[in-house]
């Protein structure tokens, strides 16, 4: 209870500071840092999972690489666990941990003034997805988009328009697509489930919400 009240006081203080700075009136911004994976403390703010959690045989880890970046790596196995109710296996995922709640709710990122989710990554030739969870009513809803790597094996910055993410629930694309609640982005993650056995590795340095010089959220700026 005491920690909950402390978080509430912290959120209230932060909201007051933002109001005094008039953050909503500060105008165009090129980027908003969201997540960094450059230290061990950064990696502690992420959750990791794979089918091994339900009896499968895949392996996954999130560790510091040789430099200042996180490395999500492991090996996928398509072998099914003994449980006959499980019909599919072979997946691994990481996601940022949601920030602790207070009486004001769960702190989230307001990405509404930015057009793109940007990721600084170095991957292999496997197929990865980017996952966004908002602070919506249905907590199992995820907005997903394929992470298209142009130069496997090299560092690159991938920019995905927020409006291009697709609403899914438990991996199933929803017939009724609802616009992402971009004012309340709760977690961001990466996953791999490409039905291919073998090793995988993707290195991540940071994740940001971004504009280009010609964009301001969904609006175009005058050049």
C-alpha atoms as a PDB file:
ATOM      1  CA  UNK A   1       0.000   0.000   0.000  1.00  0.00           C
ATOM      2  CA  UNK A   2       2.826   2.388   0.871  1.00  0.00           C
ATOM      3  CA  UNK A   3       4.601   1.774  -2.439  1.00  0.00           C
ATOM      4  CA  UNK A   4       1.295   2.335  -4.269  1.00  0.00           C
ATOM      5  CA  UNK A   5       0.846   5.708  -2.561  1.00  0.00           C
ATOM      6  CA  UNK A   6       4.430   6.650  -3.341  1.00  0.00           C
ATOM      7  CA  UNK A   7       3.864   5.857  -7.023  1.00  0.00           C
ATOM      8  CA  UNK A   8       0.670   7.917  -6.965  1.00  0.00           C
ATOM      9  CA  UNK A   9       2.535  10.863  -5.456  1.00  0.00           C
ATOM     10  CA  UNK A  10       5.277  10.476  -8.085  1.00  0.00           C
ATOM     11  CA  UNK A  11       2.755  10.448 -10.948  1.00  0.00           C
ATOM     12  CA  UNK A  12       0.996  13.495  -9.499  1.00  0.00           C
ATOM     13  CA  UNK A  13       4.289  15.365  -9.214  1.00  0.00           C
ATOM     14  CA  UNK A  14       5.251  14.434 -12.769  1.00  0.00           C
ATOM     15  CA  UNK A  15       1.859  15.534 -14.106  1.00  0.00           C
ATOM     16  CA  UNK A  16       2.175  18.855 -12.276  1.00  0.00           C
ATOM     17  CA  UNK A  17       5.657  19.398 -13.680  1.00  0.00           C
ATOM     18  CA  UNK A  18       4.408  18.675 -17.204  1.00  0.00           C
ATOM     19  CA  UNK A  19       1.554  21.125 -16.740  1.00  0.00           C
ATOM     20  CA  UNK A  20       3.953  23.816 -15.541  1.00  0.00           C
ATOM     21  CA  UNK A  21       6.190  23.184 -18.535  1.00  0.00           C
ATOM     22  CA  UNK A  22       3.083  23.146 -20.776  1.00  0.00           C
ATOM     23  CA  UNK A  23       4.334  19.991 -22.504  1.00  0.00           C
ATOM     24  CA  UNK A  24       1.237  19.851 -24.686  1.00  0.00           C
ATOM     25  CA  UNK A  25       2.136  23.254 -26.162  1.00  0.00           C
ATOM     26  CA  UNK A  26       5.801  22.680 -26.849  1.00  0.00           C
ATOM     27  CA  UNK A  27       5.305  22.191 -30.584  1.00  0.00           C
ATOM     28  CA  UNK A  28       6.902  19.832 -33.068  1.00  0.00           C
ATOM     29  CA  UNK A  29       9.356  17.227 -31.840  1.00  0.00           C
ATOM     30  CA  UNK A  30      11.423  14.927 -33.999  1.00  0.00           C
ATOM     31  CA  UNK A  31      11.637  12.060 -31.504  1.00  0.00           C
ATOM     32  CA  UNK A  32      10.615  10.758 -28.105  1.00  0.00           C
ATOM     33  CA  UNK A  33      12.904   8.124 -26.544  1.00  0.00           C
ATOM     34  CA  UNK A  34      10.879   5.190 -25.256  1.00  0.00           C
ATOM     35  CA  UNK A  35      13.187   2.283 -24.497  1.00  0.00           C
ATOM     36  CA  UNK A  36      16.939   1.816 -24.332  1.00  0.00           C
ATOM     37  CA  UNK A  37      18.772  -1.515 -24.165  1.00  0.00           C
ATOM     38  CA  UNK A  38      22.296  -0.256 -23.568  1.00  0.00           C
ATOM     39  CA  UNK A  39      22.833  -1.382 -19.949  1.00  0.00           C
ATOM     40  CA  UNK A  40      22.074  -4.385 -17.762  1.00  0.00           C
ATOM     41  CA  UNK A  41      19.621  -2.215 -15.811  1.00  0.00           C
ATOM     42  CA  UNK A  42      17.772  -1.511 -19.082  1.00  0.00           C
ATOM     43  CA  UNK A  43      17.426  -5.239 -19.772  1.00  0.00           C
ATOM     44  CA  UNK A  44      15.933  -5.778 -16.319  1.00  0.00           C
ATOM     45  CA  UNK A  45      12.937  -3.744 -17.519  1.00  0.00           C
ATOM     46  CA  UNK A  46      12.029  -6.427 -20.074  1.00  0.00           C
ATOM     47  CA  UNK A  47      10.076  -9.681 -19.792  1.00  0.00           C
ATOM     48  CA  UNK A  48      11.097 -12.788 -21.738  1.00  0.00           C
ATOM     49  CA  UNK A  49       9.080 -15.832 -22.763  1.00  0.00           C
ATOM     50  CA  UNK A  50       9.022 -18.781 -25.147  1.00  0.00           C
ATOM     51  CA  UNK A  51       7.144 -22.047 -25.643  1.00  0.00           C
ATOM     52  CA  UNK A  52       9.386 -23.671 -23.039  1.00  0.00           C
ATOM     53  CA  UNK A  53       7.143 -21.932 -20.499  1.00  0.00           C
ATOM     54  CA  UNK A  54       4.315 -24.312 -21.485  1.00  0.00           C
ATOM     55  CA  UNK A  55       6.428 -27.445 -21.934  1.00  0.00           C
ATOM     56  CA  UNK A  56       7.952 -26.742 -25.342  1.00  0.00           C
ATOM     57  CA  UNK A  57      11.589 -27.042 -26.324  1.00  0.00           C
ATOM     58  CA  UNK A  58      12.606 -23.629 -27.643  1.00  0.00           C
ATOM     59  CA  UNK A  59      15.303 -21.617 -25.852  1.00  0.00           C
ATOM     60  CA  UNK A  60      15.470 -17.824 -25.578  1.00  0.00           C
ATOM     61  CA  UNK A  61      17.535 -15.219 -23.757  1.00  0.00           C
ATOM     62  CA  UNK A  62      17.912 -11.455 -23.548  1.00  0.00           C
ATOM     63  CA  UNK A  63      21.473 -10.511 -22.662  1.00  0.00           C
ATOM     64  CA  UNK A  64      23.975  -7.745 -23.158  1.00  0.00           C
ATOM     65  CA  UNK A  65      25.860  -8.020 -26.433  1.00  0.00           C
ATOM     66  CA  UNK A  66      29.537  -7.325 -26.950  1.00  0.00           C
ATOM     67  CA  UNK A  67      28.785  -3.591 -27.007  1.00  0.00           C
ATOM     68  CA  UNK A  68      26.157  -1.282 -25.544  1.00  0.00           C
ATOM     69  CA  UNK A  69      23.115  -3.134 -26.848  1.00  0.00           C
ATOM     70  CA  UNK A  70      20.771  -5.957 -25.921  1.00  0.00           C
ATOM     71  CA  UNK A  71      20.760  -9.283 -27.763  1.00  0.00           C
ATOM     72  CA  UNK A  72      17.538 -11.305 -28.043  1.00  0.00           C
ATOM     73  CA  UNK A  73      18.658 -14.740 -29.155  1.00  0.00           C
ATOM     74  CA  UNK A  74      18.009 -18.444 -28.856  1.00  0.00           C
ATOM     75  CA  UNK A  75      16.814 -21.440 -30.824  1.00  0.00           C
ATOM     76  CA  UNK A  76      13.295 -22.328 -31.921  1.00  0.00           C
ATOM     77  CA  UNK A  77      12.023 -25.894 -31.770  1.00  0.00           C
ATOM     78  CA  UNK A  78       8.788 -26.966 -33.435  1.00  0.00           C
ATOM     79  CA  UNK A  79       8.532 -30.126 -31.330  1.00  0.00           C
ATOM     80  CA  UNK A  80       5.245 -30.278 -29.476  1.00  0.00           C
ATOM     81  CA  UNK A  81       5.131 -30.713 -25.703  1.00  0.00           C
ATOM     82  CA  UNK A  82       3.484 -33.757 -24.126  1.00  0.00           C
ATOM     83  CA  UNK A  83       0.269 -31.822 -23.475  1.00  0.00           C
ATOM     84  CA  UNK A  84      -2.174 -32.986 -26.211  1.00  0.00           C
ATOM     85  CA  UNK A  85      -4.106 -29.706 -26.001  1.00  0.00           C
ATOM     86  CA  UNK A  86      -1.148 -27.787 -27.451  1.00  0.00           C
ATOM     87  CA  UNK A  87      -1.247 -28.004 -31.243  1.00  0.00           C
ATOM     88  CA  UNK A  88       1.513 -25.541 -32.160  1.00  0.00           C
ATOM     89  CA  UNK A  89       4.928 -24.672 -30.796  1.00  0.00           C
ATOM     90  CA  UNK A  90       8.028 -22.731 -31.746  1.00  0.00           C
ATOM     91  CA  UNK A  91       7.928 -19.132 -30.541  1.00  0.00           C
ATOM     92  CA  UNK A  92       9.859 -16.646 -28.416  1.00  0.00           C
ATOM     93  CA  UNK A  93       9.171 -13.060 -27.404  1.00  0.00           C
ATOM     94  CA  UNK A  94      10.333 -10.119 -25.326  1.00  0.00           C
ATOM     95  CA  UNK A  95       8.355  -7.095 -24.192  1.00  0.00           C
ATOM     96  CA  UNK A  96       8.955  -4.082 -22.021  1.00  0.00           C
ATOM     97  CA  UNK A  97       7.505  -4.377 -18.533  1.00  0.00           C
ATOM     98  CA  UNK A  98       4.547  -2.126 -17.806  1.00  0.00           C
ATOM     99  CA  UNK A  99       5.319   0.619 -15.326  1.00  0.00           C
ATOM    100  CA  UNK A 100       3.814   0.248 -11.829  1.00  0.00           C
ATOM    101  CA  UNK A 101       0.251   1.544 -11.498  1.00  0.00           C
ATOM    102  CA  UNK A 102      -1.015   4.296  -9.248  1.00  0.00           C
ATOM    103  CA  UNK A 103      -4.465   5.721  -8.554  1.00  0.00           C
ATOM    104  CA  UNK A 104      -3.977   7.684 -11.782  1.00  0.00           C
ATOM    105  CA  UNK A 105      -3.644   4.425 -13.721  1.00  0.00           C
ATOM    106  CA  UNK A 106      -0.647   2.894 -15.494  1.00  0.00           C
ATOM    107  CA  UNK A 107       1.960   5.348 -16.861  1.00  0.00           C
ATOM    108  CA  UNK A 108       2.054   5.097 -20.658  1.00  0.00           C
ATOM    109  CA  UNK A 109       3.729   6.736 -23.644  1.00  0.00           C
ATOM    110  CA  UNK A 110       1.712   9.298 -25.583  1.00  0.00           C
ATOM    111  CA  UNK A 111       2.846   8.684 -29.159  1.00  0.00           C
ATOM    112  CA  UNK A 112       0.017  10.624 -30.813  1.00  0.00           C
ATOM    113  CA  UNK A 113       2.304  13.457 -31.970  1.00  0.00           C
ATOM    114  CA  UNK A 114       4.651  11.059 -33.800  1.00  0.00           C
ATOM    115  CA  UNK A 115       4.126   9.134 -37.020  1.00  0.00           C
ATOM    116  CA  UNK A 116       6.580   6.276 -36.638  1.00  0.00           C
ATOM    117  CA  UNK A 117       7.790   3.685 -34.190  1.00  0.00           C
ATOM    118  CA  UNK A 118      11.550   3.534 -34.811  1.00  0.00           C
ATOM    119  CA  UNK A 119      13.856   0.671 -33.811  1.00  0.00           C
ATOM    120  CA  UNK A 120      17.641   0.585 -33.994  1.00  0.00           C
ATOM    121  CA  UNK A 121      18.378  -3.090 -34.630  1.00  0.00           C
ATOM    122  CA  UNK A 122      20.745  -5.594 -36.199  1.00  0.00           C
ATOM    123  CA  UNK A 123      19.081  -8.855 -37.139  1.00  0.00           C
ATOM    124  CA  UNK A 124      19.437 -12.061 -39.092  1.00  0.00           C
ATOM    125  CA  UNK A 125      17.258 -13.384 -41.906  1.00  0.00           C
ATOM    126  CA  UNK A 126      14.502 -14.656 -39.622  1.00  0.00           C
ATOM    127  CA  UNK A 127      10.986 -13.135 -39.532  1.00  0.00           C
ATOM    128  CA  UNK A 128      10.267 -10.950 -36.496  1.00  0.00           C
ATOM    129  CA  UNK A 129       7.206  -8.999 -35.424  1.00  0.00           C
ATOM    130  CA  UNK A 130       6.912  -5.774 -33.447  1.00  0.00           C
ATOM    131  CA  UNK A 131       4.133  -5.818 -30.848  1.00  0.00           C
ATOM    132  CA  UNK A 132       2.437  -2.848 -29.182  1.00  0.00           C
ATOM    133  CA  UNK A 133       0.089  -3.149 -26.209  1.00  0.00           C
ATOM    134  CA  UNK A 134      -2.073  -0.167 -25.266  1.00  0.00           C
ATOM    135  CA  UNK A 135      -3.879   0.527 -22.020  1.00  0.00           C
ATOM    136  CA  UNK A 136      -7.165  -0.600 -23.531  1.00  0.00           C
ATOM    137  CA  UNK A 137     -10.091  -2.614 -22.198  1.00  0.00           C
ATOM    138  CA  UNK A 138      -8.946  -5.976 -23.620  1.00  0.00           C
ATOM    139  CA  UNK A 139      -5.476  -6.633 -22.255  1.00  0.00           C
ATOM    140  CA  UNK A 140      -4.797  -9.516 -24.686  1.00  0.00           C
ATOM    141  CA  UNK A 141      -5.113  -7.201 -27.703  1.00  0.00           C
ATOM    142  CA  UNK A 142      -1.828  -6.545 -29.506  1.00  0.00           C
ATOM    143  CA  UNK A 143      -1.050  -4.321 -32.450  1.00  0.00           C
ATOM    144  CA  UNK A 144       1.476  -6.100 -34.650  1.00  0.00           C
ATOM    145  CA  UNK A 145       3.653  -5.335 -37.657  1.00  0.00           C
ATOM    146  CA  UNK A 146       6.342  -7.321 -39.411  1.00  0.00           C
ATOM    147  CA  UNK A 147       9.857  -6.040 -38.774  1.00  0.00           C
ATOM    148  CA  UNK A 148      11.253  -5.849 -42.288  1.00  0.00           C
ATOM    149  CA  UNK A 149      15.057  -5.874 -42.148  1.00  0.00           C
ATOM    150  CA  UNK A 150      16.695  -4.421 -45.238  1.00  0.00           C
ATOM    151  CA  UNK A 151      20.291  -5.406 -44.395  1.00  0.00           C
ATOM    152  CA  UNK A 152      20.526  -8.531 -42.212  1.00  0.00           C
ATOM    153  CA  UNK A 153      23.765  -8.566 -40.254  1.00  0.00           C
ATOM    154  CA  UNK A 154      24.103  -4.771 -40.247  1.00  0.00           C
ATOM    155  CA  UNK A 155      22.800  -2.062 -37.915  1.00  0.00           C
ATOM    156  CA  UNK A 156      19.799  -0.223 -39.327  1.00  0.00           C
ATOM    157  CA  UNK A 157      16.980   2.025 -38.163  1.00  0.00           C
ATOM    158  CA  UNK A 158      13.554   0.666 -39.058  1.00  0.00           C
ATOM    159  CA  UNK A 159      10.639   3.124 -39.010  1.00  0.00           C
ATOM    160  CA  UNK A 160       7.101   1.703 -38.972  1.00  0.00           C
ATOM    161  CA  UNK A 161       4.070   4.002 -39.260  1.00  0.00           C
ATOM    162  CA  UNK A 162       1.859   3.580 -36.208  1.00  0.00           C
ATOM    163  CA  UNK A 163      -1.189   3.499 -38.486  1.00  0.00           C
ATOM    164  CA  UNK A 164       0.133   0.405 -40.270  1.00  0.00           C
ATOM    165  CA  UNK A 165      -0.033  -1.829 -37.184  1.00  0.00           C
ATOM    166  CA  UNK A 166      -2.761  -4.500 -37.278  1.00  0.00           C
ATOM    167  CA  UNK A 167      -4.971  -5.377 -34.307  1.00  0.00           C
ATOM    168  CA  UNK A 168      -4.608  -9.008 -33.190  1.00  0.00           C
ATOM    169  CA  UNK A 169      -5.752 -11.052 -30.220  1.00  0.00           C
ATOM    170  CA  UNK A 170      -3.878 -14.198 -29.215  1.00  0.00           C
ATOM    171  CA  UNK A 171      -2.172 -14.138 -32.606  1.00  0.00           C
ATOM    172  CA  UNK A 172      -5.401 -13.881 -34.617  1.00  0.00           C
ATOM    173  CA  UNK A 173      -6.033 -10.837 -36.832  1.00  0.00           C
ATOM    174  CA  UNK A 174      -9.302  -9.220 -35.732  1.00  0.00           C
ATOM    175  CA  UNK A 175     -12.026  -8.680 -38.315  1.00  0.00           C
ATOM    176  CA  UNK A 176     -13.017  -5.390 -36.731  1.00  0.00           C
ATOM    177  CA  UNK A 177      -9.923  -3.221 -36.818  1.00  0.00           C
ATOM    178  CA  UNK A 178      -9.865  -0.455 -34.200  1.00  0.00           C
ATOM    179  CA  UNK A 179      -7.436   2.451 -34.344  1.00  0.00           C
ATOM    180  CA  UNK A 180      -4.579   2.138 -31.896  1.00  0.00           C
ATOM    181  CA  UNK A 181      -4.989   4.126 -28.672  1.00  0.00           C
ATOM    182  CA  UNK A 182      -1.743   5.939 -29.348  1.00  0.00           C
ATOM    183  CA  UNK A 183      -2.083   8.237 -26.360  1.00  0.00           C
ATOM    184  CA  UNK A 184      -1.733   5.177 -24.107  1.00  0.00           C
ATOM    185  CA  UNK A 185       1.032   2.880 -25.381  1.00  0.00           C
ATOM    186  CA  UNK A 186       1.740   0.548 -22.476  1.00  0.00           C
ATOM    187  CA  UNK A 187       4.376  -1.917 -23.706  1.00  0.00           C
ATOM    188  CA  UNK A 188       6.469  -2.614 -26.805  1.00  0.00           C
ATOM    189  CA  UNK A 189       7.963  -5.967 -27.741  1.00  0.00           C
ATOM    190  CA  UNK A 190       9.460  -8.248 -30.364  1.00  0.00           C
ATOM    191  CA  UNK A 191       8.497 -11.813 -31.213  1.00  0.00           C
ATOM    192  CA  UNK A 192       9.505 -14.608 -33.545  1.00  0.00           C
ATOM    193  CA  UNK A 193       7.227 -17.434 -34.662  1.00  0.00           C
ATOM    194  CA  UNK A 194       8.196 -18.125 -38.259  1.00  0.00           C
ATOM    195  CA  UNK A 195       7.659 -21.922 -38.207  1.00  0.00           C
ATOM    196  CA  UNK A 196      11.377 -22.493 -38.788  1.00  0.00           C
ATOM    197  CA  UNK A 197      13.598 -24.465 -36.440  1.00  0.00           C
ATOM    198  CA  UNK A 198      17.055 -23.235 -35.603  1.00  0.00           C
ATOM    199  CA  UNK A 199      18.953 -20.314 -34.071  1.00  0.00           C
ATOM    200  CA  UNK A 200      17.850 -16.702 -34.138  1.00  0.00           C
ATOM    201  CA  UNK A 201      19.380 -13.445 -32.998  1.00  0.00           C
ATOM    202  CA  UNK A 202      18.408  -9.808 -33.149  1.00  0.00           C
ATOM    203  CA  UNK A 203      20.334  -7.019 -31.405  1.00  0.00           C
ATOM    204  CA  UNK A 204      18.465  -3.919 -30.197  1.00  0.00           C
ATOM    205  CA  UNK A 205      19.910  -0.569 -29.159  1.00  0.00           C
ATOM    206  CA  UNK A 206      16.824   1.616 -28.722  1.00  0.00           C
ATOM    207  CA  UNK A 207      13.160   2.164 -29.543  1.00  0.00           C
ATOM    208  CA  UNK A 208      11.683   5.631 -30.103  1.00  0.00           C
ATOM    209  CA  UNK A 209       8.592   7.403 -31.389  1.00  0.00           C
ATOM    210  CA  UNK A 210       9.702   9.577 -34.299  1.00  0.00           C
ATOM    211  CA  UNK A 211       8.767  12.105 -36.929  1.00  0.00           C
ATOM    212  CA  UNK A 212      10.636  13.007 -40.066  1.00  0.00           C
ATOM    213  CA  UNK A 213      11.257  16.637 -40.935  1.00  0.00           C
ATOM    214  CA  UNK A 214       8.047  16.546 -42.979  1.00  0.00           C
ATOM    215  CA  UNK A 215       5.696  14.868 -40.499  1.00  0.00           C
ATOM    216  CA  UNK A 216       3.974  15.812 -37.273  1.00  0.00           C
ATOM    217  CA  UNK A 217       2.041  12.766 -36.165  1.00  0.00           C
ATOM    218  CA  UNK A 218      -0.492  11.957 -38.887  1.00  0.00           C
ATOM    219  CA  UNK A 219      -0.212  15.458 -40.318  1.00  0.00           C
ATOM    220  CA  UNK A 220       2.254  16.650 -42.957  1.00  0.00           C
ATOM    221  CA  UNK A 221       4.383  19.678 -42.204  1.00  0.00           C
ATOM    222  CA  UNK A 222       4.944  22.509 -44.649  1.00  0.00           C
ATOM    223  CA  UNK A 223       8.331  22.088 -46.312  1.00  0.00           C
END
